[in-house]
Amino acid sequence: MAARKFATENPKLVRLVLEEIDNTGQWGEKNRSEIVKLIIHHLKIDEDILTTMVEMRTYGLRPITPEIMDNQQKIADLFAKEKVIPKPINIKEAMLTSEQYAAITPETISHK
């Protein structure tokens, strides 16, 4: 997540950050047992439970789809209803344009 102004004024930097996040996610997909080893001591939960959680999770970035936007709107609506955020928001109004997303989306993500 980034402020719209920052993302539109710094697309190369945002793309670089997203590439690194995706690289880390790709590493996570291939090294799930290492993830467990890295975080087990911080979470203080049973190793079997943590292993199950890590195995169920998907790592890396993915393209923004209409389904993802719909789910984000549901979350935003719930947050507004529960007063987690001060007022309702329209997710589509908060999103960048297709062209702006294209400028910041790494190749590895756009081809998933």
PDB file of N, CA and C in Angstrom:
ATOM      1  N   MET A   1       0.846  -1.166   0.000  1.00  0.00           N
ATOM      2  CA  MET A   1       0.000   0.000   0.000  1.00  0.00           C
ATOM      3  C   MET A   1       0.896   1.234   0.000  1.00  0.00           C
ATOM      4  N   ALA A   2       0.443   2.230  -0.710  1.00  0.00           N
ATOM      5  CA  ALA A   2       1.172   3.487  -0.780  1.00  0.00           C
ATOM      6  C   ALA A   2       0.175   4.608  -1.017  1.00  0.00           C
ATOM      7  N   ALA A   3       0.565   5.786  -0.611  1.00  0.00           N
ATOM      8  CA  ALA A   3      -0.261   6.947  -0.919  1.00  0.00           C
ATOM      9  C   ALA A   3      -0.289   7.115  -2.439  1.00  0.00           C
ATOM     10  N   ARG A   4      -1.442   7.464  -2.972  1.00  0.00           N
ATOM     11  CA  ARG A   4      -1.586   7.632  -4.424  1.00  0.00           C
ATOM     12  C   ARG A   4      -0.522   8.574  -4.977  1.00  0.00           C
ATOM     13  N   LYS A   5      -0.319   9.711  -4.322  1.00  0.00           N
ATOM     14  CA  LYS A   5       0.648  10.691  -4.804  1.00  0.00           C
ATOM     15  C   LYS A   5       2.048  10.083  -4.872  1.00  0.00           C
ATOM     16  N   PHE A   6       2.433   9.367  -3.816  1.00  0.00           N
ATOM     17  CA  PHE A   6       3.759   8.750  -3.809  1.00  0.00           C
ATOM     18  C   PHE A   6       3.886   7.729  -4.935  1.00  0.00           C
ATOM     19  N   ALA A   7       2.872   6.883  -5.090  1.00  0.00           N
ATOM     20  CA  ALA A   7       2.929   5.838  -6.116  1.00  0.00           C
ATOM     21  C   ALA A   7       3.003   6.417  -7.520  1.00  0.00           C
ATOM     22  N   THR A   8       2.245   7.480  -7.774  1.00  0.00           N
ATOM     23  CA  THR A   8       2.235   8.050  -9.122  1.00  0.00           C
ATOM     24  C   THR A   8       3.470   8.896  -9.400  1.00  0.00           C
ATOM     25  N   GLU A   9       4.076   9.446  -8.347  1.00  0.00           N
ATOM     26  CA  GLU A   9       5.283  10.264  -8.547  1.00  0.00           C
ATOM     27  C   GLU A   9       6.566   9.441  -8.509  1.00  0.00           C
ATOM     28  N   ASN A  10       6.488   8.207  -8.021  1.00  0.00           N
ATOM     29  CA  ASN A  10       7.681   7.368  -7.874  1.00  0.00           C
ATOM     30  C   ASN A  10       7.443   5.944  -8.394  1.00  0.00           C
ATOM     31  N   PRO A  11       6.937   5.798  -9.614  1.00  0.00           N
ATOM     32  CA  PRO A  11       6.583   4.450 -10.081  1.00  0.00           C
ATOM     33  C   PRO A  11       7.767   3.488 -10.142  1.00  0.00           C
ATOM     34  N   LYS A  12       8.942   3.969 -10.488  1.00  0.00           N
ATOM     35  CA  LYS A  12      10.110   3.069 -10.567  1.00  0.00           C
ATOM     36  C   LYS A  12      10.486   2.549  -9.180  1.00  0.00           C
ATOM     37  N   LEU A  13      10.427   3.411  -8.186  1.00  0.00           N
ATOM     38  CA  LEU A  13      10.745   2.996  -6.828  1.00  0.00           C
ATOM     39  C   LEU A  13       9.698   2.003  -6.306  1.00  0.00           C
ATOM     40  N   VAL A  14       8.422   2.296  -6.537  1.00  0.00           N
ATOM     41  CA  VAL A  14       7.362   1.394  -6.087  1.00  0.00           C
ATOM     42  C   VAL A  14       7.507   0.039  -6.767  1.00  0.00           C
ATOM     43  N   ARG A  15       7.816   0.059  -8.060  1.00  0.00           N
ATOM     44  CA  ARG A  15       8.006  -1.199  -8.791  1.00  0.00           C
ATOM     45  C   ARG A  15       9.172  -1.993  -8.213  1.00  0.00           C
ATOM     46  N   LEU A  16      10.258  -1.325  -7.881  1.00  0.00           N
ATOM     47  CA  LEU A  16      11.421  -1.981  -7.289  1.00  0.00           C
ATOM     48  C   LEU A  16      11.062  -2.626  -5.951  1.00  0.00           C
ATOM     49  N   VAL A  17      10.329  -1.917  -5.117  1.00  0.00           N
ATOM     50  CA  VAL A  17       9.898  -2.464  -3.831  1.00  0.00           C
ATOM     51  C   VAL A  17       9.003  -3.682  -4.052  1.00  0.00           C
ATOM     52  N   LEU A  18       8.061  -3.580  -4.979  1.00  0.00           N
ATOM     53  CA  LEU A  18       7.168  -4.705  -5.270  1.00  0.00           C
ATOM     54  C   LEU A  18       7.935  -5.913  -5.806  1.00  0.00           C
ATOM     55  N   GLU A  19       8.956  -5.669  -6.621  1.00  0.00           N
ATOM     56  CA  GLU A  19       9.783  -6.774  -7.122  1.00  0.00           C
ATOM     57  C   GLU A  19      10.468  -7.495  -5.970  1.00  0.00           C
ATOM     58  N   GLU A  20      10.986  -6.745  -5.014  1.00  0.00           N
ATOM     59  CA  GLU A  20      11.662  -7.359  -3.865  1.00  0.00           C
ATOM     60  C   GLU A  20      10.675  -8.114  -2.983  1.00  0.00           C
ATOM     61  N   ILE A  21       9.494  -7.559  -2.788  1.00  0.00           N
ATOM     62  CA  ILE A  21       8.466  -8.260  -2.016  1.00  0.00           C
ATOM     63  C   ILE A  21       8.106  -9.565  -2.715  1.00  0.00           C
ATOM     64  N   ASP A  22       7.961  -9.521  -4.028  1.00  0.00           N
ATOM     65  CA  ASP A  22       7.613 -10.725  -4.771  1.00  0.00           C
ATOM     66  C   ASP A  22       8.751 -11.738  -4.736  1.00  0.00           C
ATOM     67  N   ASN A  23       9.995 -11.277  -4.825  1.00  0.00           N
ATOM     68  CA  ASN A  23      11.145 -12.192  -4.717  1.00  0.00           C
ATOM     69  C   ASN A  23      11.131 -12.906  -3.371  1.00  0.00           C
ATOM     70  N   THR A  24      10.836 -12.174  -2.315  1.00  0.00           N
ATOM     71  CA  THR A  24      10.760 -12.763  -0.984  1.00  0.00           C
ATOM     72  C   THR A  24       9.626 -13.787  -0.929  1.00  0.00           C
ATOM     73  N   GLY A  25       8.505 -13.461  -1.540  1.00  0.00           N
ATOM     74  CA  GLY A  25       7.380 -14.383  -1.588  1.00  0.00           C
ATOM     75  C   GLY A  25       7.709 -15.655  -2.352  1.00  0.00           C
ATOM     76  N   GLN A  26       8.425 -15.513  -3.455  1.00  0.00           N
ATOM     77  CA  GLN A  26       8.820 -16.692  -4.226  1.00  0.00           C
ATOM     78  C   GLN A  26       9.759 -17.573  -3.408  1.00  0.00           C
ATOM     79  N   TRP A  27      10.654 -16.924  -2.637  1.00  0.00           N
ATOM     80  CA  TRP A  27      11.522 -17.684  -1.738  1.00  0.00           C
ATOM     81  C   TRP A  27      10.666 -18.427  -0.707  1.00  0.00           C
ATOM     82  N   GLY A  28       9.666 -17.748  -0.155  1.00  0.00           N
ATOM     83  CA  GLY A  28       8.788 -18.350   0.839  1.00  0.00           C
ATOM     84  C   GLY A  28       8.048 -19.563   0.308  1.00  0.00           C
ATOM     85  N   GLU A  29       7.604 -19.498  -0.941  1.00  0.00           N
ATOM     86  CA  GLU A  29       6.904 -20.634  -1.546  1.00  0.00           C
ATOM     87  C   GLU A  29       7.791 -21.878  -1.576  1.00  0.00           C
ATOM     88  N   LYS A  30       9.093 -21.671  -1.756  1.00  0.00           N
ATOM     89  CA  LYS A  30      10.027 -22.784  -1.892  1.00  0.00           C
ATOM     90  C   LYS A  30      10.686 -23.188  -0.573  1.00  0.00           C
ATOM     91  N   ASN A  31      10.516 -22.387   0.464  1.00  0.00           N
ATOM     92  CA  ASN A  31      11.248 -22.617   1.720  1.00  0.00           C
ATOM     93  C   ASN A  31      10.336 -22.508   2.941  1.00  0.00           C
ATOM     94  N   ARG A  32       9.242 -23.201   2.908  1.00  0.00           N
ATOM     95  CA  ARG A  32       8.259 -23.114   3.989  1.00  0.00           C
ATOM     96  C   ARG A  32       8.827 -23.577   5.327  1.00  0.00           C
ATOM     97  N   SER A  33       9.640 -24.613   5.327  1.00  0.00           N
ATOM     98  CA  SER A  33      10.211 -25.078   6.607  1.00  0.00           C
ATOM     99  C   SER A  33      11.149 -24.025   7.192  1.00  0.00           C
ATOM    100  N   GLU A  34      11.813 -23.282   6.338  1.00  0.00           N
ATOM    101  CA  GLU A  34      12.686 -22.195   6.816  1.00  0.00           C
ATOM    102  C   GLU A  34      11.863 -21.068   7.432  1.00  0.00           C
ATOM    103  N   ILE A  35      10.698 -20.801   6.870  1.00  0.00           N
ATOM    104  CA  ILE A  35       9.816 -19.784   7.439  1.00  0.00           C
ATOM    105  C   ILE A  35       9.439 -20.172   8.863  1.00  0.00           C
ATOM    106  N   VAL A  36       9.071 -21.428   9.036  1.00  0.00           N
ATOM    107  CA  VAL A  36       8.708 -21.906  10.372  1.00  0.00           C
ATOM    108  C   VAL A  36       9.878 -21.690  11.329  1.00  0.00           C
ATOM    109  N   LYS A  37      11.076 -22.067  10.921  1.00  0.00           N
ATOM    110  CA  LYS A  37      12.262 -21.900  11.772  1.00  0.00           C
ATOM    111  C   LYS A  37      12.513 -20.433  12.114  1.00  0.00           C
ATOM    112  N   LEU A  38      12.271 -19.542  11.160  1.00  0.00           N
ATOM    113  CA  LEU A  38      12.529 -18.122  11.377  1.00  0.00           C
ATOM    114  C   LEU A  38      11.542 -17.462  12.336  1.00  0.00           C
ATOM    115  N   ILE A  39      10.302 -17.943  12.360  1.00  0.00           N
ATOM    116  CA  ILE A  39       9.300 -17.219  13.141  1.00  0.00           C
ATOM    117  C   ILE A  39       8.768 -17.957  14.366  1.00  0.00           C
ATOM    118  N   ILE A  40       9.094 -19.227  14.523  1.00  0.00           N
ATOM    119  CA  ILE A  40       8.532 -20.021  15.619  1.00  0.00           C
ATOM    120  C   ILE A  40       8.799 -19.389  16.983  1.00  0.00           C
ATOM    121  N   HIS A  41       9.982 -18.886  17.201  1.00  0.00           N
ATOM    122  CA  HIS A  41      10.344 -18.339  18.513  1.00  0.00           C
ATOM    123  C   HIS A  41       9.660 -17.006  18.801  1.00  0.00           C
ATOM    124  N   HIS A  42       9.254 -16.313  17.767  1.00  0.00           N
ATOM    125  CA  HIS A  42       8.582 -15.023  17.950  1.00  0.00           C
ATOM    126  C   HIS A  42       7.088 -15.196  18.231  1.00  0.00           C
ATOM    127  N   LEU A  43       6.497 -16.232  17.679  1.00  0.00           N
ATOM    128  CA  LEU A  43       5.049 -16.409  17.798  1.00  0.00           C
ATOM    129  C   LEU A  43       4.635 -17.215  19.022  1.00  0.00           C
ATOM    130  N   LYS A  44       5.535 -18.054  19.505  1.00  0.00           N
ATOM    131  CA  LYS A  44       5.267 -18.852  20.705  1.00  0.00           C
ATOM    132  C   LYS A  44       3.988 -19.673  20.579  1.00  0.00           C
ATOM    133  N   ILE A  45       3.849 -20.353  19.430  1.00  0.00           N
ATOM    134  CA  ILE A  45       2.734 -21.274  19.254  1.00  0.00           C
ATOM    135  C   ILE A  45       3.305 -22.638  18.889  1.00  0.00           C
ATOM    136  N   ASP A  46       2.483 -23.645  19.003  1.00  0.00           N
ATOM    137  CA  ASP A  46       2.886 -25.003  18.710  1.00  0.00           C
ATOM    138  C   ASP A  46       3.437 -25.115  17.289  1.00  0.00           C
ATOM    139  N   GLU A  47       4.540 -25.815  17.137  1.00  0.00           N
ATOM    140  CA  GLU A  47       5.185 -25.926  15.823  1.00  0.00           C
ATOM    141  C   GLU A  47       4.282 -26.595  14.789  1.00  0.00           C
ATOM    142  N   ASP A  48       3.509 -27.586  15.188  1.00  0.00           N
ATOM    143  CA  ASP A  48       2.601 -28.250  14.237  1.00  0.00           C
ATOM    144  C   ASP A  48       1.541 -27.280  13.719  1.00  0.00           C
ATOM    145  N   ILE A  49       1.021 -26.437  14.616  1.00  0.00           N
ATOM    146  CA  ILE A  49       0.013 -25.450  14.207  1.00  0.00           C
ATOM    147  C   ILE A  49       0.643 -24.433  13.261  1.00  0.00           C
ATOM    148  N   LEU A  50       1.828 -23.946  13.607  1.00  0.00           N
ATOM    149  CA  LEU A  50       2.511 -22.974  12.750  1.00  0.00           C
ATOM    150  C   LEU A  50       2.827 -23.577  11.389  1.00  0.00           C
ATOM    151  N   THR A  51       3.279 -24.801  11.364  1.00  0.00           N
ATOM    152  CA  THR A  51       3.595 -25.466  10.095  1.00  0.00           C
ATOM    153  C   THR A  51       2.345 -25.550   9.226  1.00  0.00           C
ATOM    154  N   THR A  52       1.219 -25.905   9.825  1.00  0.00           N
ATOM    155  CA  THR A  52      -0.040 -25.967   9.071  1.00  0.00           C
ATOM    156  C   THR A  52      -0.397 -24.583   8.520  1.00  0.00           C
ATOM    157  N   MET A  53      -0.235 -23.558   9.345  1.00  0.00           N
ATOM    158  CA  MET A  53      -0.549 -22.193   8.899  1.00  0.00           C
ATOM    159  C   MET A  53       0.337 -21.788   7.721  1.00  0.00           C
ATOM    160  N   VAL A  54       1.627 -22.066   7.828  1.00  0.00           N
ATOM    161  CA  VAL A  54       2.579 -21.702   6.772  1.00  0.00           C
ATOM    162  C   VAL A  54       2.271 -22.472   5.494  1.00  0.00           C
ATOM    163  N   GLU A  55       1.917 -23.733   5.626  1.00  0.00           N
ATOM    164  CA  GLU A  55       1.600 -24.550   4.454  1.00  0.00           C
ATOM    165  C   GLU A  55       0.329 -24.088   3.749  1.00  0.00           C
ATOM    166  N   MET A  56      -0.615 -23.539   4.492  1.00  0.00           N
ATOM    167  CA  MET A  56      -1.893 -23.114   3.898  1.00  0.00           C
ATOM    168  C   MET A  56      -1.801 -21.760   3.201  1.00  0.00           C
ATOM    169  N   ARG A  57      -0.793 -20.984   3.529  1.00  0.00           N
ATOM    170  CA  ARG A  57      -0.679 -19.626   3.027  1.00  0.00           C
ATOM    171  C   ARG A  57      -0.047 -19.597   1.640  1.00  0.00           C
ATOM    172  N   THR A  58      -0.452 -18.625   0.853  1.00  0.00           N
ATOM    173  CA  THR A  58       0.175 -18.364  -0.437  1.00  0.00           C
ATOM    174  C   THR A  58       1.123 -17.191  -0.268  1.00  0.00           C
ATOM    175  N   TYR A  59       2.316 -17.327  -0.775  1.00  0.00           N
ATOM    176  CA  TYR A  59       3.309 -16.262  -0.661  1.00  0.00           C
ATOM    177  C   TYR A  59       3.511 -15.589  -2.013  1.00  0.00           C
ATOM    178  N   GLY A  60       3.997 -14.361  -1.980  1.00  0.00           N
ATOM    179  CA  GLY A  60       4.223 -13.605  -3.200  1.00  0.00           C
ATOM    180  C   GLY A  60       3.050 -12.704  -3.513  1.00  0.00           C
ATOM    181  N   LEU A  61       3.227 -11.904  -4.516  1.00  0.00           N
ATOM    182  CA  LEU A  61       2.195 -10.963  -4.935  1.00  0.00           C
ATOM    183  C   LEU A  61       1.386 -11.556  -6.078  1.00  0.00           C
ATOM    184  N   ARG A  62       0.230 -10.997  -6.307  1.00  0.00           N
ATOM    185  CA  ARG A  62      -0.617 -11.428  -7.414  1.00  0.00           C
ATOM    186  C   ARG A  62      -1.289 -10.196  -8.002  1.00  0.00           C
ATOM    187  N   PRO A  63      -1.748 -10.304  -9.236  1.00  0.00           N
ATOM    188  CA  PRO A  63      -2.421  -9.157  -9.855  1.00  0.00           C
ATOM    189  C   PRO A  63      -3.713  -8.807  -9.112  1.00  0.00           C
ATOM    190  N   ILE A  64      -4.086  -7.548  -9.173  1.00  0.00           N
ATOM    191  CA  ILE A  64      -5.348  -7.115  -8.583  1.00  0.00           C
ATOM    192  C   ILE A  64      -6.462  -7.469  -9.560  1.00  0.00           C
ATOM    193  N   THR A  65      -7.416  -8.249  -9.077  1.00  0.00           N
ATOM    194  CA  THR A  65      -8.535  -8.704  -9.905  1.00  0.00           C
ATOM    195  C   THR A  65      -9.833  -8.084  -9.380  1.00  0.00           C
ATOM    196  N   PRO A  66     -10.894  -8.146 -10.166  1.00  0.00           N
ATOM    197  CA  PRO A  66     -12.197  -7.670  -9.670  1.00  0.00           C
ATOM    198  C   PRO A  66     -12.620  -8.387  -8.386  1.00  0.00           C
ATOM    199  N   GLU A  67     -12.314  -9.673  -8.275  1.00  0.00           N
ATOM    200  CA  GLU A  67     -12.657 -10.426  -7.058  1.00  0.00           C
ATOM    201  C   GLU A  67     -11.922  -9.867  -5.835  1.00  0.00           C
ATOM    202  N   ILE A  68     -10.658  -9.558  -6.007  1.00  0.00           N
ATOM    203  CA  ILE A  68      -9.883  -8.979  -4.906  1.00  0.00           C
ATOM    204  C   ILE A  68     -10.469  -7.628  -4.521  1.00  0.00           C
ATOM    205  N   MET A  69     -10.819  -6.828  -5.510  1.00  0.00           N
ATOM    206  CA  MET A  69     -11.413  -5.518  -5.217  1.00  0.00           C
ATOM    207  C   MET A  69     -12.740  -5.666  -4.486  1.00  0.00           C
ATOM    208  N   ASP A  70     -13.551  -6.627  -4.879  1.00  0.00           N
ATOM    209  CA  ASP A  70     -14.827  -6.869  -4.193  1.00  0.00           C
ATOM    210  C   ASP A  70     -14.589  -7.259  -2.736  1.00  0.00           C
ATOM    211  N   ASN A  71     -13.613  -8.134  -2.509  1.00  0.00           N
ATOM    212  CA  ASN A  71     -13.299  -8.532  -1.139  1.00  0.00           C
ATOM    213  C   ASN A  71     -12.774  -7.353  -0.319  1.00  0.00           C
ATOM    214  N   GLN A  72     -11.957  -6.521  -0.936  1.00  0.00           N
ATOM    215  CA  GLN A  72     -11.453  -5.335  -0.234  1.00  0.00           C
ATOM    216  C   GLN A  72     -12.601  -4.390   0.133  1.00  0.00           C
ATOM    217  N   GLN A  73     -13.593  -4.283  -0.760  1.00  0.00           N
ATOM    218  CA  GLN A  73     -14.739  -3.420  -0.467  1.00  0.00           C
ATOM    219  C   GLN A  73     -15.538  -3.969   0.709  1.00  0.00           C
ATOM    220  N   LYS A  74     -15.704  -5.288   0.756  1.00  0.00           N
ATOM    221  CA  LYS A  74     -16.409  -5.903   1.882  1.00  0.00           C
ATOM    222  C   LYS A  74     -15.692  -5.616   3.199  1.00  0.00           C
ATOM    223  N   ILE A  75     -14.375  -5.709   3.183  1.00  0.00           N
ATOM    224  CA  ILE A  75     -13.595  -5.424   4.386  1.00  0.00           C
ATOM    225  C   ILE A  75     -13.742  -3.954   4.773  1.00  0.00           C
ATOM    226  N   ALA A  76     -13.639  -3.066   3.791  1.00  0.00           N
ATOM    227  CA  ALA A  76     -13.792  -1.631   4.061  1.00  0.00           C
ATOM    228  C   ALA A  76     -15.174  -1.323   4.627  1.00  0.00           C
ATOM    229  N   ASP A  77     -16.192  -1.954   4.078  1.00  0.00           N
ATOM    230  CA  ASP A  77     -17.557  -1.746   4.580  1.00  0.00           C
ATOM    231  C   ASP A  77     -17.682  -2.210   6.027  1.00  0.00           C
ATOM    232  N   LEU A  78     -17.121  -3.375   6.325  1.00  0.00           N
ATOM    233  CA  LEU A  78     -17.157  -3.885   7.698  1.00  0.00           C
ATOM    234  C   LEU A  78     -16.392  -2.956   8.642  1.00  0.00           C
ATOM    235  N   PHE A  79     -15.216  -2.494   8.210  1.00  0.00           N
ATOM    236  CA  PHE A  79     -14.422  -1.585   9.045  1.00  0.00           C
ATOM    237  C   PHE A  79     -15.187  -0.291   9.327  1.00  0.00           C
ATOM    238  N   ALA A  80     -15.887   0.225   8.337  1.00  0.00           N
ATOM    239  CA  ALA A  80     -16.677   1.448   8.547  1.00  0.00           C
ATOM    240  C   ALA A  80     -17.829   1.174   9.506  1.00  0.00           C
ATOM    241  N   LYS A  81     -18.501   0.050   9.316  1.00  0.00           N
ATOM    242  CA  LYS A  81     -19.626  -0.320  10.183  1.00  0.00           C
ATOM    243  C   LYS A  81     -19.171  -0.474  11.633  1.00  0.00           C
ATOM    244  N   GLU A  82     -18.006  -1.081  11.834  1.00  0.00           N
ATOM    245  CA  GLU A  82     -17.487  -1.332  13.177  1.00  0.00           C
ATOM    246  C   GLU A  82     -16.668  -0.153  13.718  1.00  0.00           C
ATOM    247  N   LYS A  83     -16.615   0.937  12.967  1.00  0.00           N
ATOM    248  CA  LYS A  83     -15.910   2.166  13.384  1.00  0.00           C
ATOM    249  C   LYS A  83     -14.394   1.972  13.510  1.00  0.00           C
ATOM    250  N   VAL A  84     -13.858   1.008  12.755  1.00  0.00           N
ATOM    251  CA  VAL A  84     -12.410   0.839  12.689  1.00  0.00           C
ATOM    252  C   VAL A  84     -11.814   1.969  11.859  1.00  0.00           C
ATOM    253  N   ILE A  85     -12.567   2.397  10.845  1.00  0.00           N
ATOM    254  CA  ILE A  85     -12.215   3.574  10.059  1.00  0.00           C
ATOM    255  C   ILE A  85     -13.339   4.590  10.252  1.00  0.00           C
ATOM    256  N   PRO A  86     -13.041   5.879  10.151  1.00  0.00           N
ATOM    257  CA  PRO A  86     -14.028   6.896  10.514  1.00  0.00           C
ATOM    258  C   PRO A  86     -15.226   7.032   9.585  1.00  0.00           C
ATOM    259  N   LYS A  87     -15.056   6.651   8.317  1.00  0.00           N
ATOM    260  CA  LYS A  87     -16.176   6.803   7.389  1.00  0.00           C
ATOM    261  C   LYS A  87     -16.049   5.773   6.273  1.00  0.00           C
ATOM    262  N   PRO A  88     -17.159   5.463   5.593  1.00  0.00           N
ATOM    263  CA  PRO A  88     -17.096   4.502   4.488  1.00  0.00           C
ATOM    264  C   PRO A  88     -16.186   5.002   3.355  1.00  0.00           C
ATOM    265  N   ILE A  89     -15.563   4.070   2.679  1.00  0.00           N
ATOM    266  CA  ILE A  89     -14.748   4.419   1.510  1.00  0.00           C
ATOM    267  C   ILE A  89     -15.162   3.544   0.335  1.00  0.00           C
ATOM    268  N   ASN A  90     -14.959   4.081  -0.859  1.00  0.00           N
ATOM    269  CA  ASN A  90     -15.200   3.344  -2.077  1.00  0.00           C
ATOM    270  C   ASN A  90     -13.841   2.883  -2.600  1.00  0.00           C
ATOM    271  N   ILE A  91     -13.606   1.585  -2.547  1.00  0.00           N
ATOM    272  CA  ILE A  91     -12.307   1.036  -2.939  1.00  0.00           C
ATOM    273  C   ILE A  91     -11.931   1.425  -4.361  1.00  0.00           C
ATOM    274  N   LYS A  92     -12.889   1.409  -5.275  1.00  0.00           N
ATOM    275  CA  LYS A  92     -12.581   1.737  -6.673  1.00  0.00           C
ATOM    276  C   LYS A  92     -12.054   3.158  -6.813  1.00  0.00           C
ATOM    277  N   GLU A  93     -12.549   4.069  -5.969  1.00  0.00           N
ATOM    278  CA  GLU A  93     -12.049   5.449  -6.007  1.00  0.00           C
ATOM    279  C   GLU A  93     -10.630   5.551  -5.449  1.00  0.00           C
ATOM    280  N   ALA A  94     -10.259   4.611  -4.597  1.00  0.00           N
ATOM    281  CA  ALA A  94      -8.925   4.633  -3.992  1.00  0.00           C
ATOM    282  C   ALA A  94      -7.870   3.976  -4.877  1.00  0.00           C
ATOM    283  N   MET A  95      -8.308   3.224  -5.885  1.00  0.00           N
ATOM    284  CA  MET A  95      -7.383   2.483  -6.737  1.00  0.00           C
ATOM    285  C   MET A  95      -6.729   3.392  -7.781  1.00  0.00           C
ATOM    286  N   LEU A  96      -5.569   2.959  -8.224  1.00  0.00           N
ATOM    287  CA  LEU A  96      -4.898   3.644  -9.328  1.00  0.00           C
ATOM    288  C   LEU A  96      -5.577   3.269 -10.642  1.00  0.00           C
ATOM    289  N   THR A  97      -5.285   4.011 -11.683  1.00  0.00           N
ATOM    290  CA  THR A  97      -5.794   3.667 -13.006  1.00  0.00           C
ATOM    291  C   THR A  97      -5.018   2.464 -13.548  1.00  0.00           C
ATOM    292  N   SER A  98      -5.535   1.835 -14.581  1.00  0.00           N
ATOM    293  CA  SER A  98      -4.844   0.695 -15.199  1.00  0.00           C
ATOM    294  C   SER A  98      -3.446   1.081 -15.661  1.00  0.00           C
ATOM    295  N   GLU A  99      -3.317   2.268 -16.218  1.00  0.00           N
ATOM    296  CA  GLU A  99      -2.016   2.738 -16.698  1.00  0.00           C
ATOM    297  C   GLU A  99      -1.044   2.936 -15.534  1.00  0.00           C
ATOM    298  N   GLN A 100      -1.550   3.483 -14.429  1.00  0.00           N
ATOM    299  CA  GLN A 100      -0.693   3.691 -13.265  1.00  0.00           C
ATOM    300  C   GLN A 100      -0.251   2.361 -12.672  1.00  0.00           C
ATOM    301  N   TYR A 101      -1.156   1.386 -12.633  1.00  0.00           N
ATOM    302  CA  TYR A 101      -0.769   0.055 -12.152  1.00  0.00           C
ATOM    303  C   TYR A 101       0.261  -0.581 -13.076  1.00  0.00           C
ATOM    304  N   ALA A 102       0.087  -0.419 -14.361  1.00  0.00           N
ATOM    305  CA  ALA A 102       1.040  -0.996 -15.312  1.00  0.00           C
ATOM    306  C   ALA A 102       2.444  -0.443 -15.078  1.00  0.00           C
ATOM    307  N   ALA A 103       2.536   0.811 -14.699  1.00  0.00           N
ATOM    308  CA  ALA A 103       3.838   1.439 -14.479  1.00  0.00           C
ATOM    309  C   ALA A 103       4.556   0.896 -13.248  1.00  0.00           C
ATOM    310  N   ILE A 104       3.818   0.376 -12.287  1.00  0.00           N
ATOM    311  CA  ILE A 104       4.451  -0.090 -11.053  1.00  0.00           C
ATOM    312  C   ILE A 104       4.458  -1.615 -10.900  1.00  0.00           C
ATOM    313  N   THR A 105       3.775  -2.334 -11.786  1.00  0.00           N
ATOM    314  CA  THR A 105       3.637  -3.775 -11.637  1.00  0.00           C
ATOM    315  C   THR A 105       4.812  -4.508 -12.268  1.00  0.00           C
ATOM    316  N   PRO A 106       5.570  -5.271 -11.461  1.00  0.00           N
ATOM    317  CA  PRO A 106       6.687  -6.048 -12.012  1.00  0.00           C
ATOM    318  C   PRO A 106       6.197  -7.111 -12.978  1.00  0.00           C
ATOM    319  N   GLU A 107       7.045  -7.493 -13.908  1.00  0.00           N
ATOM    320  CA  GLU A 107       6.724  -8.508 -14.908  1.00  0.00           C
ATOM    321  C   GLU A 107       6.297  -9.819 -14.255  1.00  0.00           C
ATOM    322  N   THR A 108       6.960 -10.201 -13.163  1.00  0.00           N
ATOM    323  CA  THR A 108       6.643 -11.465 -12.514  1.00  0.00           C
ATOM    324  C   THR A 108       5.217 -11.508 -11.995  1.00  0.00           C
ATOM    325  N   ILE A 109       4.668 -10.359 -11.677  1.00  0.00           N
ATOM    326  CA  ILE A 109       3.309 -10.293 -11.139  1.00  0.00           C
ATOM    327  C   ILE A 109       2.298 -10.228 -12.271  1.00  0.00           C
ATOM    328  N   SER A 110       2.595  -9.455 -13.307  1.00  0.00           N
ATOM    329  CA  SER A 110       1.643  -9.286 -14.394  1.00  0.00           C
ATOM    330  C   SER A 110       1.440 -10.554 -15.200  1.00  0.00           C
ATOM    331  N   HIS A 111       2.338 -11.519 -15.070  1.00  0.00           N
ATOM    332  CA  HIS A 111       2.209 -12.769 -15.830  1.00  0.00           C
ATOM    333  C   HIS A 111       1.696 -13.943 -14.996  1.00  0.00           C
ATOM    334  N   LYS A 112       1.218 -13.662 -13.791  1.00  0.00           N
ATOM    335  CA  LYS A 112       0.692 -14.742 -12.939  1.00  0.00           C
ATOM    336  C   LYS A 112      -0.734 -15.040 -13.308  1.00  0.00           C
TER     337      LYS A 112
END
